[in-house]
Amino acid sequence: MLNLVHLKVLAAVARHGSVTEAAKELHYSQSSVSHHLARLEAATGARLVQRVGRGIRLTPEGRLLSLRATEIMGRVDAATNELAAQVGLRTGRVRLAANASVLSTIVPEAAVALARTNPGLELVLIDRHPAEALQMLRDGEIDVALVFQHADTPFEGEEGFRLVHLRDDPIHLVSQRAGDSLAGHRDSPWIGGCRRCQEELITVCGRAGFTPRIASLSDDMVVVQALVAAGKGVTTLPGLALQAHRRPDVHTTELVGFSRRIHAATYGEPPDPPAVAAVLTALVETAALRGAAAARRDGKTR
């Protein structure tokens, strides 16, 4: 019979590719980790790890079981939180993953509000791109994923994901000159980001009648703006990224009609556990307050 402790050890070894690092994470001795792996191999009748030089690697059977182990341990954590809420405990832990622009704007403000209304709730935050966050959500490694999609693109997700719309985030052209337009940069070098961001950039430029020549790549909003300031290209960034970090020596132009839709995603059948529901409420309220503040600022600058 499979043992949760053994599965936890295998998942840690898979994450680190090392008995030593897995032992550090779990606060076990190396010999204890090796013992648990041996017991798991005996229980399954399969060879799960093999020695390679001074290290180890998972066999195909080990990789298969490690994927399931990660999902099982995530579900156990989720069940623990749900049960604690069900029996009336005022504590809980919610694991949330989001990309940098959201994690540095909406999420910290929501965390502050949450700490006031639910002081016993622990919020664990992880920086991940949307695709990675959704995979973690499906595997039970997190409880909430903040993701974005282009406004006219259907959500790319399997059945089981549930979405709460937080806000629309306008897209801006970032360049060295004020008053620039997309069409004016059809021959310029462009700075792209992750796969999803590049798809968004190609879509935006395509509506202006050209395909961008992507000369540089970076997912970091600080690096991207530094490259623009240095004359290495132009790019697009969402409004939240510019709220998180804005260089004074670059210019931004909002691209009317282009925006990202930001959602909080959960997985599985409703209702959400009370702790997760509290986090979603804080996110929705914070996003609404930020949106209202941005609208007031825009009204004053026009």
C-alpha atoms as a PDB file:
ATOM      1  CA  MET A   1       0.000   0.000   0.000  1.00  0.00           C
ATOM      2  CA  LEU A   2       1.239   3.489  -0.852  1.00  0.00           C
ATOM      3  CA  ASN A   3       2.279   5.635   2.080  1.00  0.00           C
ATOM      4  CA  LEU A   4       1.815   9.419   2.109  1.00  0.00           C
ATOM      5  CA  VAL A   5       5.215  10.006   3.700  1.00  0.00           C
ATOM      6  CA  HIS A   6       6.910   7.930   1.010  1.00  0.00           C
ATOM      7  CA  LEU A   7       5.048   9.830  -1.723  1.00  0.00           C
ATOM      8  CA  LYS A   8       6.022  13.149  -0.119  1.00  0.00           C
ATOM      9  CA  VAL A   9       9.673  12.100  -0.227  1.00  0.00           C
ATOM     10  CA  LEU A  10       9.447  11.018  -3.868  1.00  0.00           C
ATOM     11  CA  ALA A  11       7.806  14.328  -4.846  1.00  0.00           C
ATOM     12  CA  ALA A  12      10.621  16.259  -3.127  1.00  0.00           C
ATOM     13  CA  VAL A  13      13.306  14.183  -4.850  1.00  0.00           C
ATOM     14  CA  ALA A  14      11.587  14.790  -8.201  1.00  0.00           C
ATOM     15  CA  ARG A  15      11.491  18.558  -7.580  1.00  0.00           C
ATOM     16  CA  HIS A  16      15.175  18.789  -6.705  1.00  0.00           C
ATOM     17  CA  GLY A  17      16.706  15.856  -8.573  1.00  0.00           C
ATOM     18  CA  SER A  18      18.778  15.247  -5.477  1.00  0.00           C
ATOM     19  CA  VAL A  19      18.482  13.255  -2.256  1.00  0.00           C
ATOM     20  CA  THR A  20      20.545  15.895  -0.467  1.00  0.00           C
ATOM     21  CA  GLU A  21      18.301  18.800  -1.483  1.00  0.00           C
ATOM     22  CA  ALA A  22      15.148  16.806  -0.813  1.00  0.00           C
ATOM     23  CA  ALA A  23      16.446  16.022   2.683  1.00  0.00           C
ATOM     24  CA  LYS A  24      17.078  19.742   3.304  1.00  0.00           C
ATOM     25  CA  GLU A  25      13.544  20.670   2.230  1.00  0.00           C
ATOM     26  CA  LEU A  26      11.920  17.969   4.345  1.00  0.00           C
ATOM     27  CA  HIS A  27      14.290  18.365   7.307  1.00  0.00           C
ATOM     28  CA  TYR A  28      15.158  14.674   7.050  1.00  0.00           C
ATOM     29  CA  SER A  29      18.537  13.014   7.016  1.00  0.00           C
ATOM     30  CA  GLN A  30      19.813  11.760   3.659  1.00  0.00           C
ATOM     31  CA  SER A  31      19.701   8.210   4.958  1.00  0.00           C
ATOM     32  CA  SER A  32      16.043   8.699   5.932  1.00  0.00           C
ATOM     33  CA  VAL A  33      15.173   9.912   2.415  1.00  0.00           C
ATOM     34  CA  SER A  34      16.965   6.903   0.898  1.00  0.00           C
ATOM     35  CA  HIS A  35      15.120   4.609   3.310  1.00  0.00           C
ATOM     36  CA  HIS A  36      11.714   6.012   2.334  1.00  0.00           C
ATOM     37  CA  LEU A  37      12.543   5.612  -1.367  1.00  0.00           C
ATOM     38  CA  ALA A  38      13.573   2.017  -0.799  1.00  0.00           C
ATOM     39  CA  ARG A  39      10.343   1.310   1.107  1.00  0.00           C
ATOM     40  CA  LEU A  40       8.320   2.873  -1.702  1.00  0.00           C
ATOM     41  CA  GLU A  41      10.090   0.717  -4.299  1.00  0.00           C
ATOM     42  CA  ALA A  42       9.364  -2.339  -2.200  1.00  0.00           C
ATOM     43  CA  ALA A  43       5.696  -1.386  -1.879  1.00  0.00           C
ATOM     44  CA  THR A  44       5.246  -0.752  -5.615  1.00  0.00           C
ATOM     45  CA  GLY A  45       7.524  -3.504  -6.920  1.00  0.00           C
ATOM     46  CA  ALA A  46       9.035  -0.968  -9.337  1.00  0.00           C
ATOM     47  CA  ARG A  47      12.451   0.609  -9.583  1.00  0.00           C
ATOM     48  CA  LEU A  48      11.813   4.335  -9.139  1.00  0.00           C
ATOM     49  CA  VAL A  49      15.311   5.864  -8.995  1.00  0.00           C
ATOM     50  CA  GLN A  50      18.697   4.989 -10.436  1.00  0.00           C
ATOM     51  CA  ARG A  51      22.195   6.163  -9.611  1.00  0.00           C
ATOM     52  CA  VAL A  52      23.916   8.433 -12.152  1.00  0.00           C
ATOM     53  CA  GLY A  53      27.458   9.303 -11.106  1.00  0.00           C
ATOM     54  CA  ARG A  54      27.155  10.965  -7.714  1.00  0.00           C
ATOM     55  CA  GLY A  55      23.501  11.834  -8.225  1.00  0.00           C
ATOM     56  CA  ILE A  56      20.247  10.090  -9.025  1.00  0.00           C
ATOM     57  CA  ARG A  57      17.521  10.332 -11.610  1.00  0.00           C
ATOM     58  CA  LEU A  58      14.000   9.005 -11.762  1.00  0.00           C
ATOM     59  CA  THR A  59      13.143   6.045 -13.939  1.00  0.00           C
ATOM     60  CA  PRO A  60      10.085   6.343 -16.223  1.00  0.00           C
ATOM     61  CA  GLU A  61       8.094   4.616 -13.475  1.00  0.00           C
ATOM     62  CA  GLY A  62       9.508   7.040 -10.925  1.00  0.00           C
ATOM     63  CA  ARG A  63       8.553  10.053 -13.034  1.00  0.00           C
ATOM     64  CA  LEU A  64       5.021   8.748 -13.467  1.00  0.00           C
ATOM     65  CA  LEU A  65       4.548   8.122  -9.763  1.00  0.00           C
ATOM     66  CA  SER A  66       6.166  11.456  -8.808  1.00  0.00           C
ATOM     67  CA  LEU A  67       3.599  13.345 -10.890  1.00  0.00           C
ATOM     68  CA  ARG A  68       0.788  11.578  -9.075  1.00  0.00           C
ATOM     69  CA  ALA A  69       2.559  12.066  -5.741  1.00  0.00           C
ATOM     70  CA  THR A  70       2.714  15.834  -6.300  1.00  0.00           C
ATOM     71  CA  GLU A  71      -0.980  15.937  -7.120  1.00  0.00           C
ATOM     72  CA  ILE A  72      -1.898  13.734  -4.137  1.00  0.00           C
ATOM     73  CA  MET A  73       0.098  15.829  -1.657  1.00  0.00           C
ATOM     74  CA  GLY A  74      -1.488  19.011  -3.025  1.00  0.00           C
ATOM     75  CA  ARG A  75      -4.932  17.512  -2.593  1.00  0.00           C
ATOM     76  CA  VAL A  76      -4.111  16.442   0.969  1.00  0.00           C
ATOM     77  CA  ASP A  77      -3.104  20.020   1.811  1.00  0.00           C
ATOM     78  CA  ALA A  78      -6.313  21.325   0.247  1.00  0.00           C
ATOM     79  CA  ALA A  79      -8.418  18.791   2.143  1.00  0.00           C
ATOM     80  CA  THR A  80      -6.727  19.755   5.414  1.00  0.00           C
ATOM     81  CA  ASN A  81      -7.639  23.406   4.859  1.00  0.00           C
ATOM     82  CA  GLU A  82     -11.210  22.547   3.868  1.00  0.00           C
ATOM     83  CA  LEU A  83     -11.706  20.358   6.929  1.00  0.00           C
ATOM     84  CA  ALA A  84     -10.296  23.027   9.237  1.00  0.00           C
ATOM     85  CA  ALA A  85     -12.770  25.530   7.814  1.00  0.00           C
ATOM     86  CA  GLN A  86     -15.658  23.060   8.023  1.00  0.00           C
ATOM     87  CA  VAL A  87     -15.186  22.435  11.737  1.00  0.00           C
ATOM     88  CA  GLY A  88     -15.105  26.135  12.436  1.00  0.00           C
ATOM     89  CA  LEU A  89     -11.405  26.887  12.880  1.00  0.00           C
ATOM     90  CA  ARG A  90     -10.467  30.499  12.227  1.00  0.00           C
ATOM     91  CA  THR A  91      -7.222  29.606  10.556  1.00  0.00           C
ATOM     92  CA  GLY A  92      -6.329  28.312   7.143  1.00  0.00           C
ATOM     93  CA  ARG A  93      -3.731  28.438   4.407  1.00  0.00           C
ATOM     94  CA  VAL A  94      -4.344  29.510   0.819  1.00  0.00           C
ATOM     95  CA  ARG A  95      -1.653  29.060  -1.819  1.00  0.00           C
ATOM     96  CA  LEU A  96      -1.846  31.587  -4.664  1.00  0.00           C
ATOM     97  CA  ALA A  97       0.218  31.889  -7.846  1.00  0.00           C
ATOM     98  CA  ALA A  98       0.282  34.906 -10.172  1.00  0.00           C
ATOM     99  CA  ASN A  99       2.551  36.621 -12.683  1.00  0.00           C
ATOM    100  CA  ALA A 100       4.746  39.553 -11.662  1.00  0.00           C
ATOM    101  CA  SER A 101       2.515  42.473 -12.684  1.00  0.00           C
ATOM    102  CA  VAL A 102      -0.457  41.198 -10.665  1.00  0.00           C
ATOM    103  CA  LEU A 103       1.688  39.868  -7.830  1.00  0.00           C
ATOM    104  CA  SER A 104       3.212  43.326  -7.317  1.00  0.00           C
ATOM    105  CA  THR A 105      -0.017  45.358  -7.480  1.00  0.00           C
ATOM    106  CA  ILE A 106      -3.402  43.773  -6.761  1.00  0.00           C
ATOM    107  CA  VAL A 107      -2.175  40.888  -4.623  1.00  0.00           C
ATOM    108  CA  PRO A 108      -0.237  42.836  -1.926  1.00  0.00           C
ATOM    109  CA  GLU A 109      -3.158  45.209  -1.399  1.00  0.00           C
ATOM    110  CA  ALA A 110      -5.570  42.286  -1.200  1.00  0.00           C
ATOM    111  CA  ALA A 111      -3.228  40.615   1.312  1.00  0.00           C
ATOM    112  CA  VAL A 112      -3.324  43.703   3.539  1.00  0.00           C
ATOM    113  CA  ALA A 113      -7.130  43.785   3.437  1.00  0.00           C
ATOM    114  CA  LEU A 114      -7.276  40.059   4.121  1.00  0.00           C
ATOM    115  CA  ALA A 115      -5.008  40.379   7.145  1.00  0.00           C
ATOM    116  CA  ARG A 116      -7.482  42.872   8.654  1.00  0.00           C
ATOM    117  CA  THR A 117     -10.572  40.720   8.120  1.00  0.00           C
ATOM    118  CA  ASN A 118      -9.021  37.251   8.550  1.00  0.00           C
ATOM    119  CA  PRO A 119      -5.915  37.616  10.712  1.00  0.00           C
ATOM    120  CA  GLY A 120      -5.556  33.863  11.196  1.00  0.00           C
ATOM    121  CA  LEU A 121      -5.418  33.083   7.487  1.00  0.00           C
ATOM    122  CA  GLU A 122      -1.994  32.379   5.957  1.00  0.00           C
ATOM    123  CA  LEU A 123      -1.541  33.472   2.340  1.00  0.00           C
ATOM    124  CA  VAL A 124       1.318  31.763   0.489  1.00  0.00           C
ATOM    125  CA  LEU A 125       2.363  33.636  -2.689  1.00  0.00           C
ATOM    126  CA  ILE A 126       4.208  32.200  -5.696  1.00  0.00           C
ATOM    127  CA  ASP A 127       5.463  33.994  -8.843  1.00  0.00           C
ATOM    128  CA  ARG A 128       4.406  31.951 -11.895  1.00  0.00           C
ATOM    129  CA  HIS A 129       3.254  32.556 -15.458  1.00  0.00           C
ATOM    130  CA  PRO A 130      -0.426  31.743 -16.131  1.00  0.00           C
ATOM    131  CA  ALA A 131       0.196  28.412 -17.893  1.00  0.00           C
ATOM    132  CA  GLU A 132       2.410  27.196 -15.059  1.00  0.00           C
ATOM    133  CA  ALA A 133      -0.041  28.480 -12.446  1.00  0.00           C
ATOM    134  CA  LEU A 134      -2.932  26.595 -14.062  1.00  0.00           C
ATOM    135  CA  GLN A 135      -0.910  23.393 -14.107  1.00  0.00           C
ATOM    136  CA  MET A 136      -0.093  23.843 -10.420  1.00  0.00           C
ATOM    137  CA  LEU A 137      -3.791  24.442  -9.741  1.00  0.00           C
ATOM    138  CA  ARG A 138      -4.789  21.268 -11.577  1.00  0.00           C
ATOM    139  CA  ASP A 139      -2.141  19.289  -9.686  1.00  0.00           C
ATOM    140  CA  GLY A 140      -3.383  20.566  -6.339  1.00  0.00           C
ATOM    141  CA  GLU A 141      -0.153  22.453  -5.555  1.00  0.00           C
ATOM    142  CA  ILE A 142      -2.010  25.765  -5.183  1.00  0.00           C
ATOM    143  CA  ASP A 143      -5.558  26.860  -4.412  1.00  0.00           C
ATOM    144  CA  VAL A 144      -5.917  30.008  -6.555  1.00  0.00           C
ATOM    145  CA  ALA A 145      -4.239  31.001  -9.844  1.00  0.00           C
ATOM    146  CA  LEU A 146      -4.370  34.538 -11.194  1.00  0.00           C
ATOM    147  CA  VAL A 147      -4.269  34.370 -14.987  1.00  0.00           C
ATOM    148  CA  PHE A 148      -4.826  36.667 -17.928  1.00  0.00           C
ATOM    149  CA  GLN A 149      -6.154  36.339 -21.449  1.00  0.00           C
ATOM    150  CA  HIS A 150      -6.565  38.696 -24.381  1.00  0.00           C
ATOM    151  CA  ALA A 151     -10.001  40.286 -24.230  1.00  0.00           C
ATOM    152  CA  ASP A 152     -11.337  38.558 -27.354  1.00  0.00           C
ATOM    153  CA  THR A 153      -9.583  35.204 -26.860  1.00  0.00           C
ATOM    154  CA  PRO A 154     -11.459  32.316 -25.223  1.00  0.00           C
ATOM    155  CA  PHE A 155     -10.016  30.964 -22.012  1.00  0.00           C
ATOM    156  CA  GLU A 156      -7.511  28.177 -22.614  1.00  0.00           C
ATOM    157  CA  GLY A 157      -8.269  25.719 -19.869  1.00  0.00           C
ATOM    158  CA  GLU A 158      -9.660  22.267 -19.352  1.00  0.00           C
ATOM    159  CA  GLU A 159     -12.967  21.468 -17.741  1.00  0.00           C
ATOM    160  CA  GLY A 160     -12.865  21.930 -13.997  1.00  0.00           C
ATOM    161  CA  PHE A 161     -11.405  25.442 -13.856  1.00  0.00           C
ATOM    162  CA  ARG A 162     -13.721  28.117 -12.496  1.00  0.00           C
ATOM    163  CA  LEU A 163     -13.026  31.805 -13.185  1.00  0.00           C
ATOM    164  CA  VAL A 164     -13.782  35.001 -11.296  1.00  0.00           C
ATOM    165  CA  HIS A 165     -13.217  38.123 -13.400  1.00  0.00           C
ATOM    166  CA  LEU A 166     -11.171  40.713 -11.501  1.00  0.00           C
ATOM    167  CA  ARG A 167     -10.644  43.502 -14.023  1.00  0.00           C
ATOM    168  CA  ASP A 168      -9.558  44.422 -17.541  1.00  0.00           C
ATOM    169  CA  ASP A 169      -5.994  45.696 -17.842  1.00  0.00           C
ATOM    170  CA  PRO A 170      -5.274  48.014 -20.806  1.00  0.00           C
ATOM    171  CA  ILE A 171      -2.256  47.388 -23.034  1.00  0.00           C
ATOM    172  CA  HIS A 172       0.264  50.188 -23.637  1.00  0.00           C
ATOM    173  CA  LEU A 173       2.893  50.808 -26.300  1.00  0.00           C
ATOM    174  CA  VAL A 174       6.227  51.524 -24.579  1.00  0.00           C
ATOM    175  CA  SER A 175       8.731  53.553 -26.617  1.00  0.00           C
ATOM    176  CA  GLN A 176      11.175  56.457 -26.417  1.00  0.00           C
ATOM    177  CA  ARG A 177       8.879  59.036 -27.976  1.00  0.00           C
ATOM    178  CA  ALA A 178       5.608  60.525 -26.784  1.00  0.00           C
ATOM    179  CA  GLY A 179       2.577  60.101 -29.011  1.00  0.00           C
ATOM    180  CA  ASP A 180       3.903  57.053 -30.851  1.00  0.00           C
ATOM    181  CA  SER A 181       1.595  54.675 -32.685  1.00  0.00           C
ATOM    182  CA  LEU A 182       1.828  50.982 -33.472  1.00  0.00           C
ATOM    183  CA  ALA A 183       1.950  51.620 -37.211  1.00  0.00           C
ATOM    184  CA  GLY A 184       4.886  53.957 -36.740  1.00  0.00           C
ATOM    185  CA  HIS A 185       6.965  51.048 -35.468  1.00  0.00           C
ATOM    186  CA  ARG A 186       6.253  48.439 -38.127  1.00  0.00           C
ATOM    187  CA  ASP A 187       9.974  48.408 -39.027  1.00  0.00           C
ATOM    188  CA  SER A 188      11.325  48.769 -35.474  1.00  0.00           C
ATOM    189  CA  PRO A 189      12.853  45.949 -33.430  1.00  0.00           C
ATOM    190  CA  TRP A 190      10.466  44.662 -30.767  1.00  0.00           C
ATOM    191  CA  ILE A 191      11.005  43.189 -27.318  1.00  0.00           C
ATOM    192  CA  GLY A 192       8.961  40.072 -26.612  1.00  0.00           C
ATOM    193  CA  GLY A 193       8.279  38.101 -23.459  1.00  0.00           C
ATOM    194  CA  CYS A 194       6.769  34.719 -22.596  1.00  0.00           C
ATOM    195  CA  ARG A 195       4.928  32.658 -25.207  1.00  0.00           C
ATOM    196  CA  ARG A 196       1.536  34.022 -24.211  1.00  0.00           C
ATOM    197  CA  CYS A 197       2.873  37.600 -24.165  1.00  0.00           C
ATOM    198  CA  GLN A 198       4.402  37.179 -27.608  1.00  0.00           C
ATOM    199  CA  GLU A 199       1.104  35.849 -28.952  1.00  0.00           C
ATOM    200  CA  GLU A 200      -0.587  38.927 -27.518  1.00  0.00           C
ATOM    201  CA  LEU A 201       2.052  41.220 -29.102  1.00  0.00           C
ATOM    202  CA  ILE A 202       1.660  39.558 -32.508  1.00  0.00           C
ATOM    203  CA  THR A 203      -2.126  39.912 -32.284  1.00  0.00           C
ATOM    204  CA  VAL A 204      -1.919  43.597 -31.366  1.00  0.00           C
ATOM    205  CA  CYS A 205       0.536  44.402 -34.172  1.00  0.00           C
ATOM    206  CA  GLY A 206      -1.402  42.248 -36.625  1.00  0.00           C
ATOM    207  CA  ARG A 207      -4.416  44.514 -36.229  1.00  0.00           C
ATOM    208  CA  ALA A 208      -2.178  47.401 -37.232  1.00  0.00           C
ATOM    209  CA  GLY A 209      -1.251  45.510 -40.396  1.00  0.00           C
ATOM    210  CA  PHE A 210       2.199  44.105 -39.662  1.00  0.00           C
ATOM    211  CA  THR A 211       4.098  41.320 -37.907  1.00  0.00           C
ATOM    212  CA  PRO A 212       6.573  42.568 -35.289  1.00  0.00           C
ATOM    213  CA  ARG A 213      10.264  41.709 -35.692  1.00  0.00           C
ATOM    214  CA  ILE A 214      11.107  40.386 -32.232  1.00  0.00           C
ATOM    215  CA  ALA A 215      14.775  41.124 -31.619  1.00  0.00           C
ATOM    216  CA  SER A 216      15.011  40.685 -27.822  1.00  0.00           C
ATOM    217  CA  LEU A 217      13.274  38.598 -25.193  1.00  0.00           C
ATOM    218  CA  SER A 218      12.606  39.304 -21.520  1.00  0.00           C
ATOM    219  CA  ASP A 219       9.747  38.644 -19.099  1.00  0.00           C
ATOM    220  CA  ASP A 220      11.038  41.222 -16.615  1.00  0.00           C
ATOM    221  CA  MET A 221       9.180  44.566 -16.712  1.00  0.00           C
ATOM    222  CA  VAL A 222      12.275  46.332 -15.329  1.00  0.00           C
ATOM    223  CA  VAL A 223      14.584  44.859 -17.982  1.00  0.00           C
ATOM    224  CA  VAL A 224      12.115  45.516 -20.794  1.00  0.00           C
ATOM    225  CA  GLN A 225      11.821  49.211 -19.959  1.00  0.00           C
ATOM    226  CA  ALA A 226      15.597  49.503 -19.608  1.00  0.00           C
ATOM    227  CA  LEU A 227      15.999  48.061 -23.113  1.00  0.00           C
ATOM    228  CA  VAL A 228      13.450  50.514 -24.498  1.00  0.00           C
ATOM    229  CA  ALA A 229      15.234  53.417 -22.790  1.00  0.00           C
ATOM    230  CA  ALA A 230      18.515  52.224 -24.313  1.00  0.00           C
ATOM    231  CA  GLY A 231      17.018  52.276 -27.806  1.00  0.00           C
ATOM    232  CA  LYS A 232      17.059  48.486 -28.224  1.00  0.00           C
ATOM    233  CA  GLY A 233      13.456  48.300 -29.321  1.00  0.00           C
ATOM    234  CA  VAL A 234       9.834  48.976 -28.427  1.00  0.00           C
ATOM    235  CA  THR A 235       7.311  46.772 -26.678  1.00  0.00           C
ATOM    236  CA  THR A 236       3.870  46.535 -25.138  1.00  0.00           C
ATOM    237  CA  LEU A 237       3.134  46.228 -21.431  1.00  0.00           C
ATOM    238  CA  PRO A 238      -0.104  45.975 -19.451  1.00  0.00           C
ATOM    239  CA  GLY A 239      -1.133  48.852 -17.228  1.00  0.00           C
ATOM    240  CA  LEU A 240      -0.506  46.931 -14.006  1.00  0.00           C
ATOM    241  CA  ALA A 241       3.111  46.299 -15.008  1.00  0.00           C
ATOM    242  CA  LEU A 242       3.562  50.039 -15.515  1.00  0.00           C
ATOM    243  CA  GLN A 243       1.939  50.736 -12.146  1.00  0.00           C
ATOM    244  CA  ALA A 244       4.382  48.320 -10.535  1.00  0.00           C
ATOM    245  CA  HIS A 245       7.422  49.878 -12.247  1.00  0.00           C
ATOM    246  CA  ARG A 246       7.661  52.889 -14.540  1.00  0.00           C
ATOM    247  CA  ARG A 247      10.902  54.418 -15.806  1.00  0.00           C
ATOM    248  CA  PRO A 248      10.772  58.210 -16.239  1.00  0.00           C
ATOM    249  CA  ASP A 249      12.714  58.049 -19.527  1.00  0.00           C
ATOM    250  CA  VAL A 250      10.212  55.951 -21.495  1.00  0.00           C
ATOM    251  CA  HIS A 251       6.853  56.982 -22.922  1.00  0.00           C
ATOM    252  CA  THR A 252       3.645  54.974 -22.883  1.00  0.00           C
ATOM    253  CA  THR A 253       0.604  55.183 -25.129  1.00  0.00           C
ATOM    254  CA  GLU A 254      -2.560  53.290 -24.255  1.00  0.00           C
ATOM    255  CA  LEU A 255      -3.735  51.167 -27.166  1.00  0.00           C
ATOM    256  CA  VAL A 256      -7.476  51.741 -27.305  1.00  0.00           C
ATOM    257  CA  GLY A 257      -9.428  48.530 -27.760  1.00  0.00           C
ATOM    258  CA  PHE A 258      -6.677  46.253 -26.454  1.00  0.00           C
ATOM    259  CA  SER A 259      -6.703  44.830 -22.945  1.00  0.00           C
ATOM    260  CA  ARG A 260      -6.090  41.754 -20.883  1.00  0.00           C
ATOM    261  CA  ARG A 261      -8.799  40.136 -18.827  1.00  0.00           C
ATOM    262  CA  ILE A 262      -7.512  39.136 -15.424  1.00  0.00           C
ATOM    263  CA  HIS A 263      -9.202  36.218 -13.682  1.00  0.00           C
ATOM    264  CA  ALA A 264      -8.826  34.382 -10.408  1.00  0.00           C
ATOM    265  CA  ALA A 265      -9.080  30.673 -11.190  1.00  0.00           C
ATOM    266  CA  THR A 266      -9.994  27.842  -8.835  1.00  0.00           C
ATOM    267  CA  TYR A 267     -10.397  24.156  -9.614  1.00  0.00           C
ATOM    268  CA  GLY A 268     -13.022  21.564  -8.869  1.00  0.00           C
ATOM    269  CA  GLU A 269     -16.641  21.576  -7.903  1.00  0.00           C
ATOM    270  CA  PRO A 270     -18.116  24.550  -5.989  1.00  0.00           C
ATOM    271  CA  PRO A 271     -18.387  25.835  -3.380  1.00  0.00           C
ATOM    272  CA  ASP A 272     -14.903  27.060  -2.600  1.00  0.00           C
ATOM    273  CA  PRO A 273     -13.584  26.437   0.936  1.00  0.00           C
ATOM    274  CA  PRO A 274     -14.213  29.453   3.205  1.00  0.00           C
ATOM    275  CA  ALA A 275     -10.530  30.451   3.243  1.00  0.00           C
ATOM    276  CA  VAL A 276     -10.358  30.437  -0.565  1.00  0.00           C
ATOM    277  CA  ALA A 277     -13.660  32.332  -0.774  1.00  0.00           C
ATOM    278  CA  ALA A 278     -12.239  34.989   1.569  1.00  0.00           C
ATOM    279  CA  VAL A 279      -9.188  35.402  -0.671  1.00  0.00           C
ATOM    280  CA  LEU A 280     -11.368  35.700  -3.779  1.00  0.00           C
ATOM    281  CA  THR A 281     -13.505  38.361  -2.087  1.00  0.00           C
ATOM    282  CA  ALA A 282     -10.413  40.365  -1.132  1.00  0.00           C
ATOM    283  CA  LEU A 283      -9.062  40.126  -4.686  1.00  0.00           C
ATOM    284  CA  VAL A 284     -12.352  41.243  -6.257  1.00  0.00           C
ATOM    285  CA  GLU A 285     -12.736  44.192  -3.891  1.00  0.00           C
ATOM    286  CA  THR A 286      -9.108  45.280  -4.305  1.00  0.00           C
ATOM    287  CA  ALA A 287      -9.281  45.069  -8.104  1.00  0.00           C
ATOM    288  CA  ALA A 288     -12.456  47.174  -8.082  1.00  0.00           C
ATOM    289  CA  LEU A 289     -10.849  49.828  -5.859  1.00  0.00           C
ATOM    290  CA  ARG A 290      -7.753  49.981  -8.074  1.00  0.00           C
ATOM    291  CA  GLY A 291      -9.928  50.267 -11.168  1.00  0.00           C
ATOM    292  CA  ALA A 292     -11.942  53.123  -9.667  1.00  0.00           C
ATOM    293  CA  ALA A 293      -8.758  54.939  -8.615  1.00  0.00           C
ATOM    294  CA  ALA A 294      -7.299  54.545 -12.116  1.00  0.00           C
ATOM    295  CA  ALA A 295     -10.490  55.913 -13.658  1.00  0.00           C
ATOM    296  CA  ARG A 296     -10.322  58.976 -11.402  1.00  0.00           C
ATOM    297  CA  ARG A 297      -6.676  59.563 -12.351  1.00  0.00           C
ATOM    298  CA  ASP A 298      -7.483  59.259 -16.039  1.00  0.00           C
ATOM    299  CA  GLY A 299     -10.340  61.741 -15.650  1.00  0.00           C
ATOM    300  CA  LYS A 300      -8.044  64.307 -14.040  1.00  0.00           C
ATOM    301  CA  THR A 301      -5.385  63.971 -16.751  1.00  0.00           C
ATOM    302  CA  ARG A 302      -7.723  64.449 -19.680  1.00  0.00           C
END
